[in-house]
Amino acid sequence: MKIGLVVPGGVDRSGRERVIPALLWLVERLAARNEVVVFALGQEEGPGEWPLLGARVVDLGRPRRAAFPGTGVLARTRQLARAFRRAGPFDALHAFWASPCGFLSIAAAPSRTPVVVSLAGGELAAIREIGYGCGLVLRERVKVRIALRRAAAITAASLPMVREAAAAGFDAELVPLGVEAAGFLPRAPRRASDPPRLLHVGSLNRVKDQETLLRAFALCLERIPALRLDVVGEDTLGGEVQGLAARLGLGGSVTFHGWRPTGEVRGFLARADLLVVSSRHEAGPVALVEAAACGVPAVGTAVGHVAEGDGMRSRAVPVGDVRGLAEAISAFVSDERLRRRAGEAALAWATENDAERTASRFEGIYRRVSSGGVTVGG
């Protein structure tokens, strides 16, 4: 098949920096069996093209400031339509995120080319207190609904996202975004004297809610003073989270490592006893899938894969529940048998949902919609 993927970015020439690893793993596997063109909506400042993992990337460059409301979207649609015509025809197009990628793909696609839309974040969310989610902005709500109503198929990475779609009136298929086989790492050698280690992976931002994470960790330290926390992710809050850690007296127990490439994150996973997710909303997260692929269970707020695996490979507590999160962390850290059992379940789940399975499931959807078998939508 000839497949066009539409992404906001995450497909840098380097294949290492400014990338979305889950997308790269998918691209590599799809390109091994199909002709794949990836359309990026602004990976670089200006337009460009380059090969990546067997696929061809066509980057539209970052959009210019519009002179009048609405003209920017129209210009972007025309630009994407021209790119589709030059690179096509396609058996199917696949957009990640309903807005802007899904909306623009639906508007720009040739009339008989089916478009698959994957819900990949906050398209259906509306968390007013932190300004998160397309649901807060009328024009974004309209874009999302148009994309989902006209999609040939809709997918979501976790059951909570499937339920979010159903609540909004849309049928979405569950397709977890798996990790590559190399992510299945053996645990790093441990000594009896090594402190128990927690790991948090994610950009420092409002939706990841590191305030809840740090306050819960502070409570855990009262019970387990040797506990250590590694935080890996780009700081988008200008040192605010680090400042809170200092005020809570966590300086000797928590380490902020900043952004790290995927290969280095795996080293942290190999040493971790437990992944902690404190988000207010998640489609996944992929960090949990990577942890599961290393046999590391997760504790966190009831979002995405954490809620989906509650009681089997993870433990979920209500969003923003500092004390509940602290109690769940302490329970897992203190009970090696519980941790091992959940880690084994996590590894089994990750094995059943690796990147190869993800690619195969999407290929099945592409074949179905390209043959006229459109069965989902709203």
Protein backbone atom coordinates (compact mmCIF):
# COMPACT_ATOMS: atom_id res chain seq x y z
CA MET A 1 0.00 0.00 0.00
CA LYS A 2 0.93 3.65 -0.28
CA ILE A 3 0.29 5.42 3.01
CA GLY A 4 0.53 9.09 3.94
CA LEU A 5 1.01 9.96 7.61
CA VAL A 6 0.25 13.50 8.78
CA VAL A 7 1.95 14.64 12.00
CA PRO A 8 2.60 18.00 13.69
CA GLY A 9 6.33 17.20 13.93
CA GLY A 10 8.46 14.70 15.79
CA VAL A 11 10.25 13.42 12.67
CA ASP A 12 13.52 15.35 12.75
CA ARG A 13 16.24 14.59 10.19
CA SER A 14 18.50 13.36 12.99
CA GLY A 15 16.04 10.66 14.03
CA ARG A 16 17.13 11.45 17.59
CA GLU A 17 16.32 15.01 18.66
CA ARG A 18 12.90 16.65 18.43
CA VAL A 19 11.29 13.29 17.67
CA ILE A 20 8.25 11.38 18.91
CA PRO A 21 9.69 7.87 19.40
CA ALA A 22 6.35 6.07 19.07
CA LEU A 23 5.84 7.66 15.66
CA LEU A 24 9.34 6.68 14.53
CA TRP A 25 8.82 3.05 15.57
CA LEU A 26 5.56 3.01 13.63
CA VAL A 27 7.04 4.68 10.55
CA GLU A 28 9.93 2.22 10.44
CA ARG A 29 7.65 -0.82 10.52
CA LEU A 30 5.11 0.52 8.05
CA ALA A 31 7.88 1.54 5.65
CA ALA A 32 9.36 -1.97 5.72
CA ARG A 33 6.24 -3.26 3.93
CA ASN A 34 4.65 -0.21 2.31
CA GLU A 35 5.49 3.03 0.58
CA VAL A 36 5.22 5.68 3.29
CA VAL A 37 5.30 9.47 3.01
CA VAL A 38 5.21 11.46 6.25
CA PHE A 39 3.80 14.99 6.03
CA ALA A 40 5.00 17.20 8.89
CA LEU A 41 3.24 20.49 9.67
CA GLY A 42 6.31 22.35 10.86
CA GLN A 43 9.28 20.24 11.85
CA GLU A 44 11.59 22.96 10.55
CA GLU A 45 11.24 26.68 9.92
CA GLY A 46 10.95 26.29 6.16
CA PRO A 47 9.75 23.53 3.81
CA GLY A 48 12.02 20.55 3.20
CA GLU A 49 12.24 16.85 2.41
CA TRP A 50 14.45 14.04 3.74
CA PRO A 51 14.54 10.24 4.08
CA LEU A 52 13.82 8.72 7.48
CA LEU A 53 13.70 5.02 8.44
CA GLY A 54 12.69 3.90 4.97
CA ALA A 55 10.04 6.60 4.55
CA ARG A 56 10.13 10.05 2.96
CA VAL A 57 9.38 13.10 5.08
CA VAL A 58 7.75 16.12 3.45
CA ASP A 59 7.85 19.05 5.85
CA LEU A 60 5.58 22.00 5.08
CA GLY A 61 7.57 24.28 7.35
CA ARG A 62 6.09 26.40 10.12
CA PRO A 63 2.98 28.39 9.22
CA ARG A 64 3.20 32.12 8.62
CA ARG A 65 1.21 34.57 10.69
CA ALA A 66 -2.18 35.12 9.05
CA ALA A 67 -3.19 38.64 8.06
CA PHE A 68 -6.89 37.95 8.75
CA PRO A 69 -8.74 35.31 10.85
CA GLY A 70 -9.25 32.07 8.95
CA THR A 71 -6.86 32.86 6.12
CA GLY A 72 -4.04 30.94 7.80
CA VAL A 73 -6.07 27.72 7.93
CA LEU A 74 -7.09 28.15 4.29
CA ALA A 75 -3.48 28.70 3.22
CA ARG A 76 -2.32 25.68 5.20
CA THR A 77 -5.04 23.50 3.68
CA ARG A 78 -4.01 24.51 0.16
CA GLN A 79 -0.36 23.86 0.98
CA LEU A 80 -1.14 20.37 2.29
CA ALA A 81 -3.43 19.62 -0.66
CA ARG A 82 -0.59 20.47 -3.07
CA ALA A 83 1.76 18.20 -1.12
CA PHE A 84 -0.78 15.35 -1.28
CA ARG A 85 -1.15 15.77 -5.04
CA ARG A 86 2.59 15.83 -5.66
CA ALA A 87 3.30 12.75 -3.56
CA GLY A 88 0.11 10.75 -4.21
CA PRO A 89 -2.11 9.04 -4.94
CA PHE A 90 -2.50 7.24 -1.61
CA ASP A 91 -4.46 4.21 -0.53
CA ALA A 92 -5.04 5.92 2.82
CA LEU A 93 -3.99 8.96 4.81
CA HIS A 94 -3.50 8.77 8.58
CA ALA A 95 -3.52 11.89 10.77
CA PHE A 96 -2.25 11.92 14.35
CA TRP A 97 -4.19 14.41 16.51
CA ALA A 98 -7.65 15.42 15.30
CA SER A 99 -6.56 19.06 15.29
CA PRO A 100 -4.74 20.38 13.46
CA CYS A 101 -3.61 17.28 11.55
CA GLY A 102 -6.95 15.52 11.22
CA PHE A 103 -8.91 18.62 10.27
CA LEU A 104 -6.35 19.75 7.69
CA SER A 105 -6.05 16.23 6.23
CA ILE A 106 -9.82 15.93 5.85
CA ALA A 107 -9.97 19.35 4.18
CA ALA A 108 -6.99 18.74 1.88
CA ALA A 109 -7.39 15.06 0.93
CA PRO A 110 -8.47 14.10 -2.59
CA SER A 111 -12.18 13.30 -2.64
CA ARG A 112 -11.92 9.50 -2.59
CA THR A 113 -8.89 9.08 -0.36
CA PRO A 114 -9.91 7.77 3.09
CA VAL A 115 -8.49 9.53 6.14
CA VAL A 116 -7.84 7.72 9.44
CA VAL A 117 -7.67 10.00 12.49
CA SER A 118 -5.92 9.00 15.72
CA LEU A 119 -6.85 10.76 18.95
CA ALA A 120 -3.45 11.43 20.47
CA GLY A 121 -3.91 14.03 23.20
CA GLY A 122 -6.31 16.65 24.44
CA GLU A 123 -8.63 16.91 21.45
CA LEU A 124 -11.69 16.04 23.54
CA ALA A 125 -10.44 17.48 26.84
CA ALA A 126 -11.38 20.78 28.49
CA ILE A 127 -9.46 21.47 31.72
CA ARG A 128 -10.17 25.15 32.27
CA GLU A 129 -7.99 25.74 35.32
CA ILE A 130 -4.82 24.94 33.37
CA GLY A 131 -6.03 26.02 29.94
CA TYR A 132 -5.71 22.53 28.48
CA GLY A 133 -7.75 20.88 25.74
CA CYS A 134 -9.36 21.70 22.41
CA GLY A 135 -12.73 21.69 24.15
CA LEU A 136 -11.97 25.11 25.64
CA VAL A 137 -11.89 26.88 22.27
CA LEU A 138 -14.91 26.99 19.95
CA ARG A 139 -12.95 26.93 16.69
CA GLU A 140 -10.92 23.94 17.93
CA ARG A 141 -14.07 22.09 18.98
CA VAL A 142 -15.44 22.65 15.49
CA LYS A 143 -12.24 21.40 13.85
CA VAL A 144 -12.17 18.27 15.99
CA ARG A 145 -15.82 17.43 15.30
CA ILE A 146 -15.39 17.92 11.55
CA ALA A 147 -12.29 15.71 11.55
CA LEU A 148 -13.96 12.94 13.53
CA ARG A 149 -17.29 13.06 11.68
CA ARG A 150 -15.61 12.77 8.29
CA ALA A 151 -12.89 10.29 9.25
CA ALA A 152 -13.02 6.89 7.59
CA ALA A 153 -11.84 5.41 10.91
CA ILE A 154 -10.95 6.77 14.35
CA THR A 155 -8.41 5.19 16.69
CA ALA A 156 -7.27 5.85 20.25
CA ALA A 157 -4.31 4.48 22.19
CA SER A 158 -6.10 3.65 25.47
CA LEU A 159 -9.53 2.58 26.69
CA PRO A 160 -10.16 5.86 28.55
CA MET A 161 -9.64 7.70 25.25
CA VAL A 162 -12.03 5.29 23.52
CA ARG A 163 -14.59 6.13 26.22
CA GLU A 164 -13.94 9.87 25.81
CA ALA A 165 -14.69 9.49 22.11
CA ALA A 166 -17.88 7.52 22.84
CA ALA A 167 -19.04 10.21 25.28
CA ALA A 168 -18.58 12.77 22.48
CA GLY A 169 -20.59 10.60 20.07
CA PHE A 170 -17.79 8.88 18.14
CA ASP A 171 -16.74 5.25 17.77
CA ALA A 172 -12.98 4.80 18.14
CA GLU A 173 -10.95 1.62 17.78
CA LEU A 174 -8.36 0.76 20.41
CA VAL A 175 -4.83 0.69 18.91
CA PRO A 176 -2.11 1.11 21.56
CA LEU A 177 1.11 2.74 20.35
CA GLY A 178 3.72 0.09 21.09
CA VAL A 179 7.47 0.31 21.51
CA GLU A 180 10.20 -1.36 19.50
CA ALA A 181 11.60 -4.70 20.61
CA ALA A 182 14.86 -3.05 21.71
CA GLY A 183 12.89 -1.39 24.48
CA PHE A 184 12.58 -4.71 26.29
CA LEU A 185 15.57 -4.33 28.58
CA PRO A 186 16.86 -6.49 31.43
CA ARG A 187 16.95 -4.84 34.82
CA ALA A 188 20.22 -3.21 35.80
CA PRO A 189 22.17 -5.09 38.49
CA ARG A 190 21.01 -4.06 41.97
CA ARG A 191 22.77 -4.20 45.33
CA ALA A 192 20.98 -4.60 48.63
CA SER A 193 22.23 -1.15 49.61
CA ASP A 194 20.76 0.58 46.52
CA PRO A 195 17.82 2.86 47.42
CA PRO A 196 14.41 2.20 45.83
CA ARG A 197 14.04 4.41 42.74
CA LEU A 198 10.97 6.07 41.29
CA LEU A 199 10.96 7.43 37.75
CA HIS A 200 8.82 10.16 36.18
CA VAL A 201 9.12 10.78 32.43
CA GLY A 202 7.42 13.76 30.83
CA SER A 203 7.80 17.45 30.06
CA LEU A 204 7.48 19.70 33.07
CA ASN A 205 4.12 21.32 32.37
CA ARG A 206 0.65 21.89 33.85
CA VAL A 207 -1.04 18.83 32.40
CA LYS A 208 1.68 16.46 33.69
CA ASP A 209 1.06 18.02 37.13
CA GLN A 210 4.46 17.55 38.73
CA GLU A 211 3.20 19.50 41.75
CA THR A 212 1.05 16.51 42.72
CA LEU A 213 4.02 14.22 42.04
CA LEU A 214 6.39 16.15 44.32
CA ARG A 215 3.90 16.61 47.14
CA ALA A 216 3.13 12.88 47.08
CA PHE A 217 6.84 12.08 47.01
CA ALA A 218 7.40 14.31 50.05
CA LEU A 219 4.81 12.25 51.97
CA CYS A 220 6.49 9.02 50.85
CA LEU A 221 9.83 10.22 52.19
CA GLU A 222 8.35 10.50 55.67
CA ARG A 223 7.79 6.73 55.58
CA ILE A 224 10.68 5.65 53.33
CA PRO A 225 13.58 8.15 53.77
CA ALA A 226 15.88 6.26 51.36
CA LEU A 227 13.48 6.68 48.42
CA ARG A 228 14.84 8.46 45.34
CA LEU A 229 13.04 10.10 42.40
CA ASP A 230 14.45 10.69 38.90
CA VAL A 231 12.56 13.20 36.74
CA VAL A 232 13.30 13.11 33.00
CA GLY A 233 11.77 15.69 30.70
CA GLU A 234 12.08 19.15 29.17
CA ASP A 235 11.33 22.03 31.51
CA THR A 236 8.66 24.31 30.03
CA LEU A 237 7.90 26.10 33.30
CA GLY A 238 11.14 28.01 33.82
CA GLY A 239 12.34 26.24 36.96
CA GLU A 240 9.00 26.36 38.78
CA VAL A 241 8.94 22.63 39.52
CA GLN A 242 12.55 22.61 40.74
CA GLY A 243 11.69 25.55 42.98
CA LEU A 244 8.82 23.62 44.54
CA ALA A 245 11.13 20.64 45.15
CA ALA A 246 13.53 22.93 47.00
CA ARG A 247 10.74 24.43 49.13
CA LEU A 248 9.56 20.94 50.04
CA GLY A 249 13.08 20.00 51.11
CA LEU A 250 13.51 17.34 48.44
CA GLY A 251 16.89 18.50 47.14
CA GLY A 252 18.82 15.40 48.17
CA SER A 253 16.14 12.92 47.09
CA VAL A 254 14.96 14.11 43.68
CA THR A 255 17.11 14.68 40.58
CA PHE A 256 15.95 16.61 37.52
CA HIS A 257 17.74 15.29 34.44
CA GLY A 258 16.10 17.49 31.78
CA TRP A 259 15.38 16.19 28.30
CA ARG A 260 17.14 12.96 27.37
CA PRO A 261 17.04 10.97 24.11
CA THR A 262 15.18 7.67 24.10
CA GLY A 263 18.33 5.59 24.44
CA GLU A 264 19.24 7.33 27.67
CA VAL A 265 15.70 7.11 29.05
CA ARG A 266 15.98 3.35 28.76
CA GLY A 267 18.91 3.46 31.15
CA PHE A 268 16.69 5.15 33.73
CA LEU A 269 13.99 2.53 33.12
CA ALA A 270 16.46 -0.29 33.67
CA ARG A 271 17.24 1.11 37.14
CA ALA A 272 13.69 2.08 38.13
CA ASP A 273 11.50 0.15 40.54
CA LEU A 274 8.35 2.07 39.70
CA LEU A 275 7.12 4.58 37.12
CA VAL A 276 4.99 7.39 38.54
CA VAL A 277 2.44 9.23 36.39
CA SER A 278 0.80 12.34 37.88
CA SER A 279 -0.98 13.70 34.79
CA ARG A 280 -4.37 15.34 34.68
CA HIS A 281 -4.97 13.88 31.22
CA GLU A 282 -3.21 11.36 28.97
CA ALA A 283 -3.91 9.54 25.74
CA GLY A 284 -1.21 7.00 26.72
CA PRO A 285 1.38 7.85 27.84
CA VAL A 286 4.04 6.14 25.74
CA ALA A 287 6.45 6.42 28.71
CA LEU A 288 4.26 3.89 30.53
CA VAL A 289 4.43 1.52 27.54
CA GLU A 290 8.23 1.83 27.53
CA ALA A 291 8.31 1.14 31.27
CA ALA A 292 6.05 -1.87 30.82
CA ALA A 293 8.38 -3.16 28.10
CA CYS A 294 11.12 -3.18 30.72
CA GLY A 295 8.95 -4.94 33.30
CA VAL A 296 8.46 -1.77 35.36
CA PRO A 297 4.94 -1.30 36.78
CA ALA A 298 3.26 2.09 37.11
CA VAL A 299 1.45 3.99 39.82
CA GLY A 300 -0.39 7.18 38.99
CA THR A 301 -3.50 9.16 38.39
CA ALA A 302 -6.46 7.50 36.69
CA VAL A 303 -5.65 8.52 33.12
CA GLY A 304 -4.86 6.59 29.93
CA HIS A 305 -2.96 3.35 30.36
CA VAL A 306 -2.70 3.81 34.15
CA ALA A 307 -6.48 3.60 34.54
CA GLU A 308 -6.69 0.88 31.90
CA GLY A 309 -4.28 -1.41 33.78
CA ASP A 310 -5.49 -0.64 37.32
CA GLY A 311 -5.26 -3.69 39.55
CA MET A 312 -3.21 -5.69 37.05
CA ARG A 313 -0.10 -3.86 35.83
CA SER A 314 -0.66 -0.49 37.51
CA ARG A 315 -2.37 1.23 40.43
CA ALA A 316 -4.59 4.26 39.72
CA VAL A 317 -5.76 7.01 42.07
CA PRO A 318 -7.98 10.05 41.39
CA VAL A 319 -6.41 12.96 39.52
CA GLY A 320 -4.80 15.42 41.93
CA ASP A 321 -5.03 13.03 44.92
CA VAL A 322 -1.69 13.68 46.65
CA ARG A 323 -2.29 11.42 49.63
CA GLY A 324 -3.73 8.62 47.52
CA LEU A 325 -0.76 8.74 45.18
CA ALA A 326 1.66 8.66 48.13
CA GLU A 327 -0.09 5.66 49.62
CA ALA A 328 -0.06 3.78 46.31
CA ILE A 329 3.65 4.50 45.79
CA SER A 330 4.49 3.41 49.33
CA ALA A 331 2.51 0.19 48.94
CA PHE A 332 4.38 -0.80 45.78
CA VAL A 333 7.80 0.20 47.08
CA SER A 334 7.27 -1.75 50.30
CA ASP A 335 5.97 -4.92 48.68
CA GLU A 336 8.44 -6.56 46.30
CA ARG A 337 6.06 -9.41 45.44
CA LEU A 338 3.33 -6.94 44.44
CA ARG A 339 5.82 -4.97 42.37
CA ARG A 340 7.17 -8.07 40.65
CA ARG A 341 3.69 -9.40 39.87
CA ALA A 342 2.57 -6.09 38.38
CA GLY A 343 5.84 -5.79 36.44
CA GLU A 344 5.35 -9.24 34.91
CA ALA A 345 1.80 -8.31 33.88
CA ALA A 346 3.07 -5.05 32.41
CA LEU A 347 5.75 -6.85 30.37
CA ALA A 348 3.21 -9.37 29.05
CA TRP A 349 0.90 -6.53 27.99
CA ALA A 350 3.74 -4.61 26.31
CA THR A 351 4.80 -7.75 24.44
CA GLU A 352 1.26 -8.17 23.09
CA ASN A 353 1.15 -4.52 22.04
CA ASP A 354 4.61 -3.80 20.65
CA ALA A 355 5.35 -1.58 17.65
CA GLU A 356 5.05 -4.47 15.21
CA ARG A 357 1.51 -5.22 16.45
CA THR A 358 0.66 -1.53 16.23
CA ALA A 359 1.79 -1.36 12.61
CA SER A 360 -0.12 -4.55 11.72
CA ARG A 361 -3.32 -3.23 13.29
CA PHE A 362 -3.06 0.04 11.42
CA GLU A 363 -2.36 -1.81 8.17
CA GLY A 364 -5.58 -3.76 8.71
CA ILE A 365 -7.48 -0.50 9.12
CA TYR A 366 -5.85 0.98 6.00
CA ARG A 367 -6.84 -2.07 3.95
CA ARG A 368 -10.40 -1.91 5.23
CA VAL A 369 -11.00 1.78 4.57
CA SER A 370 -9.24 1.74 1.19
CA SER A 371 -11.55 -1.04 0.05
CA GLY A 372 -14.62 0.95 1.09
CA GLY A 373 -15.20 -0.80 4.42
CA VAL A 374 -15.76 2.36 6.49
CA THR A 375 -17.30 1.23 9.77
CA VAL A 376 -16.52 3.85 12.40
CA GLY A 377 -17.16 7.52 12.99
CA GLY A 378 -19.89 9.62 14.52
